[in-house]
């Protein structure tokens, strides 16, 4: 979305607004949530390491309500790539995948880490 792109261009001062949008996206229908999540991921990626201060809150949301954010393998990979680009370490990404089988966890981490 051009709007979220412009927001991200303002720098890390917009992180509270992006986090609020992410939190509120839980109330949307899945199709709407997916679209907004994609736009939010793009905004966080655009901010890159400047978005790092938001990563603990994002990780906490994902651990608290994984089905709201990580409902498909593709969404999970997309979010973990975004978090990686924000500077989140692999050990912290692994925590998000705790409830997955070792095989699924391995495949997803391979896709995210490029290995």
Protein backbone atom coordinates (compact mmCIF):
# COMPACT_ATOMS: atom_id res chain seq x y z
CA UNK A 1 0.00 0.00 0.00
CA UNK A 2 1.37 3.41 -0.88
CA UNK A 3 -0.02 4.71 2.42
CA UNK A 4 1.95 2.27 4.56
CA UNK A 5 5.00 2.87 2.38
CA UNK A 6 4.79 6.57 3.10
CA UNK A 7 4.34 5.85 6.77
CA UNK A 8 7.47 3.67 6.77
CA UNK A 9 9.39 6.46 5.03
CA UNK A 10 8.91 8.53 8.19
CA UNK A 11 11.28 6.21 10.05
CA UNK A 12 11.10 4.40 13.38
CA UNK A 13 8.81 7.01 14.95
CA UNK A 14 5.91 5.23 13.19
CA UNK A 15 6.51 1.89 14.90
CA UNK A 16 3.74 2.43 17.48
CA UNK A 17 1.20 3.00 14.69
CA UNK A 18 2.37 -0.07 12.77
CA UNK A 19 2.21 -2.22 15.90
CA UNK A 20 -1.28 -0.97 16.67
CA UNK A 21 -2.39 -1.84 13.13
CA UNK A 22 -0.88 -5.32 13.54
CA UNK A 23 -2.60 -5.84 16.89
CA UNK A 24 -5.93 -4.64 15.51
CA UNK A 25 -5.60 -6.85 12.44
CA UNK A 26 -6.56 -9.79 14.67
CA UNK A 27 -10.15 -8.51 14.57
CA UNK A 28 -10.35 -8.59 10.77
CA UNK A 29 -11.66 -11.35 8.58
CA UNK A 30 -8.86 -13.66 7.41
CA UNK A 31 -8.74 -12.24 3.87
CA UNK A 32 -8.55 -8.66 5.14
CA UNK A 33 -6.01 -9.61 7.80
CA UNK A 34 -3.83 -11.32 5.17
CA UNK A 35 -3.83 -8.21 2.96
CA UNK A 36 -3.04 -5.85 5.84
CA UNK A 37 -0.35 -8.22 7.13
CA UNK A 38 1.33 -8.17 3.74
CA UNK A 39 1.33 -4.37 3.75
CA UNK A 40 2.64 -4.26 7.31
CA UNK A 41 5.41 -6.74 6.48
CA UNK A 42 6.44 -4.51 3.58
CA UNK A 43 6.51 -1.47 5.88
CA UNK A 44 8.61 -3.30 8.50
CA UNK A 45 10.97 -4.57 5.77
CA UNK A 46 11.29 -1.07 4.38
CA UNK A 47 12.31 0.13 7.82
CA UNK A 48 14.77 -2.77 8.15
CA UNK A 49 16.90 -2.65 11.28
CA UNK A 50 15.22 0.65 12.23
CA UNK A 51 12.17 -1.51 13.01
CA UNK A 52 14.16 -3.67 15.45
CA UNK A 53 12.61 -2.02 18.55
CA UNK A 54 9.22 -3.41 17.43
CA UNK A 55 10.40 -7.01 17.17
CA UNK A 56 9.89 -8.03 20.83
CA UNK A 57 6.25 -6.89 20.66
CA UNK A 58 5.70 -8.68 17.34
CA UNK A 59 7.29 -11.87 18.67
CA UNK A 60 5.11 -11.67 21.80
CA UNK A 61 1.96 -11.27 19.66
CA UNK A 62 2.93 -14.28 17.58
CA UNK A 63 3.62 -16.43 20.62
CA UNK A 64 0.37 -15.38 22.30
CA UNK A 65 -1.89 -15.78 19.25
CA UNK A 66 -0.04 -17.74 16.56
CA UNK A 67 -3.21 -18.70 14.69
CA UNK A 68 -4.05 -15.04 14.12
CA UNK A 69 -0.76 -14.29 12.38
CA UNK A 70 0.94 -17.53 11.39
CA UNK A 71 -2.08 -19.35 10.01
CA UNK A 72 -0.34 -20.77 6.94
CA UNK A 73 3.16 -21.94 6.11
CA UNK A 74 3.53 -19.06 3.62
CA UNK A 75 2.45 -16.44 6.19
CA UNK A 76 4.84 -17.93 8.73
CA UNK A 77 7.75 -17.81 6.29
CA UNK A 78 6.86 -14.27 5.18
CA UNK A 79 6.70 -12.99 8.77
CA UNK A 80 9.92 -14.72 9.80
CA UNK A 81 11.75 -13.30 6.78
CA UNK A 82 10.45 -9.87 7.76
CA UNK A 83 11.62 -10.33 11.34
CA UNK A 84 15.00 -11.53 10.10
CA UNK A 85 15.34 -8.39 7.97
CA UNK A 86 14.49 -6.38 11.09
CA UNK A 87 17.50 -7.97 12.78
CA UNK A 88 15.86 -10.74 14.83
CA UNK A 89 18.29 -13.57 15.57
CA UNK A 90 17.62 -17.17 14.55
CA UNK A 91 17.23 -18.33 18.17
CA UNK A 92 14.37 -15.86 18.62
CA UNK A 93 12.75 -16.95 15.36
CA UNK A 94 12.88 -20.56 16.61
CA UNK A 95 10.77 -19.60 19.63
CA UNK A 96 7.93 -18.61 17.30
CA UNK A 97 7.98 -22.13 15.86
CA UNK A 98 7.89 -24.01 19.19
CA UNK A 99 4.57 -25.72 18.57
CA UNK A 100 5.60 -27.09 15.16
CA UNK A 101 7.04 -30.50 14.45
CA UNK A 102 10.83 -30.62 14.09
CA UNK A 103 10.44 -31.38 10.38
CA UNK A 104 8.17 -28.38 9.72
CA UNK A 105 10.38 -26.16 11.85
CA UNK A 106 13.45 -27.25 9.90
CA UNK A 107 11.83 -26.64 6.50
CA UNK A 108 10.56 -23.20 7.50
CA UNK A 109 13.88 -22.12 9.01
CA UNK A 110 15.68 -23.34 5.88
CA UNK A 111 13.38 -21.18 3.75
CA UNK A 112 13.83 -18.18 6.04
CA UNK A 113 17.56 -18.43 6.56
CA UNK A 114 18.30 -19.24 2.95
CA UNK A 115 20.04 -22.48 3.83
